[in-house]
Structures are given as C-alpha cells and as structure tokens.
Amino acid sequence: MGEFGPILIFAGATRMRTEVLPTTVFLEMSVGNIEAAVAVSLIMIASGFLVLLLVRIYGTKKHTF
C-alpha cells in the first residue's frame, strides 16, 4: 500500500486497467468524489488492521510439521 509513487510512474493510473486501491483514491480525489475516496481509504485502513491482527494471532503460535 505504500508504493504509490512507483505505481503512478511505471503503471500509470488508468481506471479499470491499472487501478489499485491507492490509485483509486487518487483518481476519485482528482474528479472531486470525496465520499468514494474516503470509503476506499477506510477499506485500506481496515485491511491493514486485519492483516496486523492476523499476524499477531497466528504469528505467535508454534507450528510443528
């Protein structure tokens, strides 16, 4: 989620083609759709917290194979 600059430079920001969540926020802000940009930002924040929670829960358990 933190690779916004390289994505814009190398892949561009073409809607429905090279669009990922950070570029979606950028595209929505550029057309003035603040509500959609905030909604996508909240999705990114929630997914970040979910990943951190899962790593904390499953990362501390000892796995035996």
C-alpha atoms as a PDB file:
ATOM      1  CA  MET A   1       0.000   0.000   0.000  1.00  0.00           C
ATOM      2  CA  GLY A   2       2.959   2.312   0.320  1.00  0.00           C
ATOM      3  CA  GLU A   3       4.190   2.114  -3.250  1.00  0.00           C
ATOM      4  CA  PHE A   4       2.022   4.898  -4.626  1.00  0.00           C
ATOM      5  CA  GLY A   5       4.697   6.861  -6.496  1.00  0.00           C
ATOM      6  CA  PRO A   6       6.254   3.930  -8.392  1.00  0.00           C
ATOM      7  CA  ILE A   7       2.809   2.632  -9.362  1.00  0.00           C
ATOM      8  CA  LEU A   8       1.885   6.004 -10.870  1.00  0.00           C
ATOM      9  CA  ILE A   9       5.208   6.310 -12.691  1.00  0.00           C
ATOM     10  CA  PHE A  10       5.538   2.776 -14.074  1.00  0.00           C
ATOM     11  CA  ALA A  11       1.943   1.589 -14.438  1.00  0.00           C
ATOM     12  CA  GLY A  12       0.037   4.844 -14.609  1.00  0.00           C
ATOM     13  CA  ALA A  13      -3.431   5.432 -13.253  1.00  0.00           C
ATOM     14  CA  THR A  14      -5.829   4.152 -15.868  1.00  0.00           C
ATOM     15  CA  ARG A  15      -9.296   3.491 -14.493  1.00  0.00           C
ATOM     16  CA  MET A  16     -10.305  -0.206 -14.560  1.00  0.00           C
ATOM     17  CA  ARG A  17      -6.990  -1.196 -16.137  1.00  0.00           C
ATOM     18  CA  THR A  18      -4.030  -0.398 -13.884  1.00  0.00           C
ATOM     19  CA  GLU A  19      -6.145   0.676 -10.936  1.00  0.00           C
ATOM     20  CA  VAL A  20      -5.247  -0.446  -7.413  1.00  0.00           C
ATOM     21  CA  LEU A  21      -6.612   0.930  -4.147  1.00  0.00           C
ATOM     22  CA  PRO A  22      -4.103   3.793  -3.698  1.00  0.00           C
ATOM     23  CA  THR A  23      -4.584   4.963  -7.276  1.00  0.00           C
ATOM     24  CA  THR A  24      -8.348   4.672  -6.842  1.00  0.00           C
ATOM     25  CA  VAL A  25      -8.139   7.189  -4.000  1.00  0.00           C
ATOM     26  CA  PHE A  26      -6.023   9.449  -6.220  1.00  0.00           C
ATOM     27  CA  LEU A  27      -8.424   9.174  -9.162  1.00  0.00           C
ATOM     28  CA  GLU A  28     -11.513   9.773  -7.024  1.00  0.00           C
ATOM     29  CA  MET A  29      -9.912  12.814  -5.392  1.00  0.00           C
ATOM     30  CA  SER A  30      -8.901  14.204  -8.785  1.00  0.00           C
ATOM     31  CA  VAL A  31     -12.517  14.153 -10.013  1.00  0.00           C
ATOM     32  CA  GLY A  32     -13.855  15.543  -6.728  1.00  0.00           C
ATOM     33  CA  ASN A  33     -15.563  12.410  -5.436  1.00  0.00           C
ATOM     34  CA  ILE A  34     -14.533  12.768  -1.788  1.00  0.00           C
ATOM     35  CA  GLU A  35     -17.024  10.185  -0.473  1.00  0.00           C
ATOM     36  CA  ALA A  36     -15.623   7.405  -2.657  1.00  0.00           C
ATOM     37  CA  ALA A  37     -12.046   8.365  -1.796  1.00  0.00           C
ATOM     38  CA  VAL A  38     -12.831   8.216   1.922  1.00  0.00           C
ATOM     39  CA  ALA A  39     -14.612   4.874   1.514  1.00  0.00           C
ATOM     40  CA  VAL A  40     -11.633   3.330  -0.291  1.00  0.00           C
ATOM     41  CA  SER A  41      -9.271   4.799   2.303  1.00  0.00           C
ATOM     42  CA  LEU A  42     -11.293   3.192   5.090  1.00  0.00           C
ATOM     43  CA  ILE A  43     -11.141  -0.147   3.262  1.00  0.00           C
ATOM     44  CA  MET A  44      -7.343   0.146   3.102  1.00  0.00           C
ATOM     45  CA  ILE A  45      -7.120   1.035   6.807  1.00  0.00           C
ATOM     46  CA  ALA A  46      -9.412  -1.847   7.793  1.00  0.00           C
ATOM     47  CA  SER A  47      -7.472  -4.348   5.688  1.00  0.00           C
ATOM     48  CA  GLY A  48      -4.209  -3.128   7.252  1.00  0.00           C
ATOM     49  CA  PHE A  49      -5.566  -3.650  10.754  1.00  0.00           C
ATOM     50  CA  LEU A  50      -6.904  -7.078   9.768  1.00  0.00           C
ATOM     51  CA  VAL A  51      -3.504  -8.170   8.470  1.00  0.00           C
ATOM     52  CA  LEU A  52      -1.782  -6.918  11.625  1.00  0.00           C
ATOM     53  CA  LEU A  53      -4.313  -8.742  13.781  1.00  0.00           C
ATOM     54  CA  LEU A  54      -3.897 -11.996  11.854  1.00  0.00           C
ATOM     55  CA  VAL A  55      -0.114 -11.786  12.038  1.00  0.00           C
ATOM     56  CA  ARG A  56      -0.307 -11.153  15.767  1.00  0.00           C
ATOM     57  CA  ILE A  57      -2.672 -14.090  16.332  1.00  0.00           C
ATOM     58  CA  TYR A  58      -1.066 -16.644  14.031  1.00  0.00           C
ATOM     59  CA  GLY A  59       2.492 -15.366  14.167  1.00  0.00           C
ATOM     60  CA  THR A  60       2.990 -16.211  17.830  1.00  0.00           C
ATOM     61  CA  LYS A  61       1.827 -19.829  17.708  1.00  0.00           C
ATOM     62  CA  LYS A  62       4.414 -22.565  17.327  1.00  0.00           C
ATOM     63  CA  HIS A  63       3.750 -24.706  14.279  1.00  0.00           C
ATOM     64  CA  THR A  64       5.044 -28.251  14.175  1.00  0.00           C
ATOM     65  CA  PHE A  65       5.333 -30.004  10.850  1.00  0.00           C
END
